[in-house]
Amino acid sequence: MRIWGPIQVFDEHGQIVKRGAVSNSREALAAFLGEGPGEMAAVLEAGCNWPVMYHWLEASVKQVTLAHPAKVRVIAEAKLKKS
């Protein structure tokens, strides 16, 4: 099992503000997000541990949306082909 996960922060225009890898702990997630740019929302790809991460994100952001892994992959691949 992986003990870290990739994370990216985007602004309201979809531009990456911050990216990195965070160890799977509430403290590491909160430290990475810090005092983000205004009110933040999160999109979380559903995986085997999504309930824990969802709960941790709820403490740091205004809204958390759970995304289906296949749909996230399709969106990412479409954006890569357009680039």
Protein backbone atom coordinates (compact mmCIF):
# COMPACT_ATOMS: atom_id res chain seq x y z
CA MET A 1 0.00 0.00 0.00
CA ARG A 2 1.24 3.46 -0.90
CA ILE A 3 1.92 5.78 2.05
CA TRP A 4 1.69 8.98 0.03
CA GLY A 5 -0.47 10.43 -2.69
CA PRO A 6 -0.17 13.04 -5.42
CA ILE A 7 -1.98 16.32 -4.89
CA GLN A 8 -2.49 19.46 -6.94
CA VAL A 9 -4.05 22.82 -6.12
CA PHE A 10 -5.67 24.82 -8.93
CA ASP A 11 -6.92 28.40 -8.97
CA GLU A 12 -10.39 29.39 -10.20
CA HIS A 13 -9.06 29.52 -13.79
CA GLY A 14 -7.78 25.93 -13.72
CA GLN A 15 -4.11 26.91 -13.45
CA ILE A 16 -1.91 24.81 -11.16
CA VAL A 17 -0.91 26.82 -8.09
CA LYS A 18 0.83 24.05 -6.18
CA ARG A 19 1.62 20.36 -6.72
CA GLY A 20 3.40 17.67 -4.79
CA ALA A 21 3.07 14.43 -2.89
CA VAL A 22 1.62 14.20 0.60
CA SER A 23 2.03 11.40 3.11
CA ASN A 24 -1.25 9.81 4.12
CA SER A 25 -1.90 11.72 7.32
CA ARG A 26 -4.30 14.46 8.35
CA GLU A 27 -1.40 16.66 9.49
CA ALA A 28 0.51 16.35 6.20
CA LEU A 29 -2.60 17.18 4.18
CA ALA A 30 -3.41 20.22 6.33
CA ALA A 31 0.20 21.43 6.13
CA PHE A 32 0.23 21.09 2.33
CA LEU A 33 -3.06 22.93 1.88
CA GLY A 34 -2.11 25.56 4.45
CA GLU A 35 -3.97 28.81 4.09
CA GLY A 36 -4.97 28.26 0.47
CA PRO A 37 -6.15 30.98 -1.89
CA GLY A 38 -9.57 31.89 -0.46
CA GLU A 39 -12.26 29.26 -0.10
CA MET A 40 -11.11 25.97 -1.55
CA ALA A 41 -13.03 22.99 -2.90
CA ALA A 42 -11.60 19.52 -3.51
CA VAL A 43 -12.20 16.73 -5.99
CA LEU A 44 -11.17 13.34 -4.68
CA GLU A 45 -10.75 10.30 -6.89
CA ALA A 46 -12.56 7.37 -5.30
CA GLY A 47 -10.07 4.70 -4.24
CA CYS A 48 -9.77 2.12 -1.50
CA ASN A 49 -9.16 4.73 1.24
CA TRP A 50 -11.38 7.54 -0.01
CA PRO A 51 -13.58 7.74 3.13
CA VAL A 52 -10.59 8.67 5.32
CA MET A 53 -9.23 11.27 2.88
CA TYR A 54 -12.75 12.67 2.37
CA HIS A 55 -13.08 13.20 6.12
CA TRP A 56 -9.65 14.89 6.32
CA LEU A 57 -10.44 17.17 3.38
CA GLU A 58 -13.77 18.21 4.92
CA ALA A 59 -11.80 19.81 7.76
CA SER A 60 -9.72 21.93 5.36
CA VAL A 61 -11.91 22.90 2.40
CA LYS A 62 -15.40 24.27 1.80
CA GLN A 63 -16.62 21.43 -0.47
CA VAL A 64 -15.42 17.91 -1.31
CA THR A 65 -16.63 16.13 -4.46
CA LEU A 66 -16.04 12.42 -4.98
CA ALA A 67 -15.08 11.49 -8.57
CA HIS A 68 -15.33 8.12 -10.31
CA PRO A 69 -11.80 6.90 -11.21
CA ALA A 70 -12.69 5.98 -14.81
CA LYS A 71 -14.21 9.41 -15.46
CA VAL A 72 -11.20 11.22 -13.98
CA ARG A 73 -8.91 9.19 -16.24
CA VAL A 74 -11.00 9.99 -19.34
CA ILE A 75 -10.91 13.71 -18.55
CA ALA A 76 -7.15 13.65 -17.99
CA GLU A 77 -6.52 11.77 -21.24
CA ALA A 78 -8.72 14.18 -23.21
CA LYS A 79 -6.84 17.19 -21.82
CA LEU A 80 -3.48 15.58 -22.64
CA LYS A 81 -4.50 14.97 -26.27
CA LYS A 82 -5.52 18.63 -26.67
CA SER A 83 -2.23 19.91 -25.27
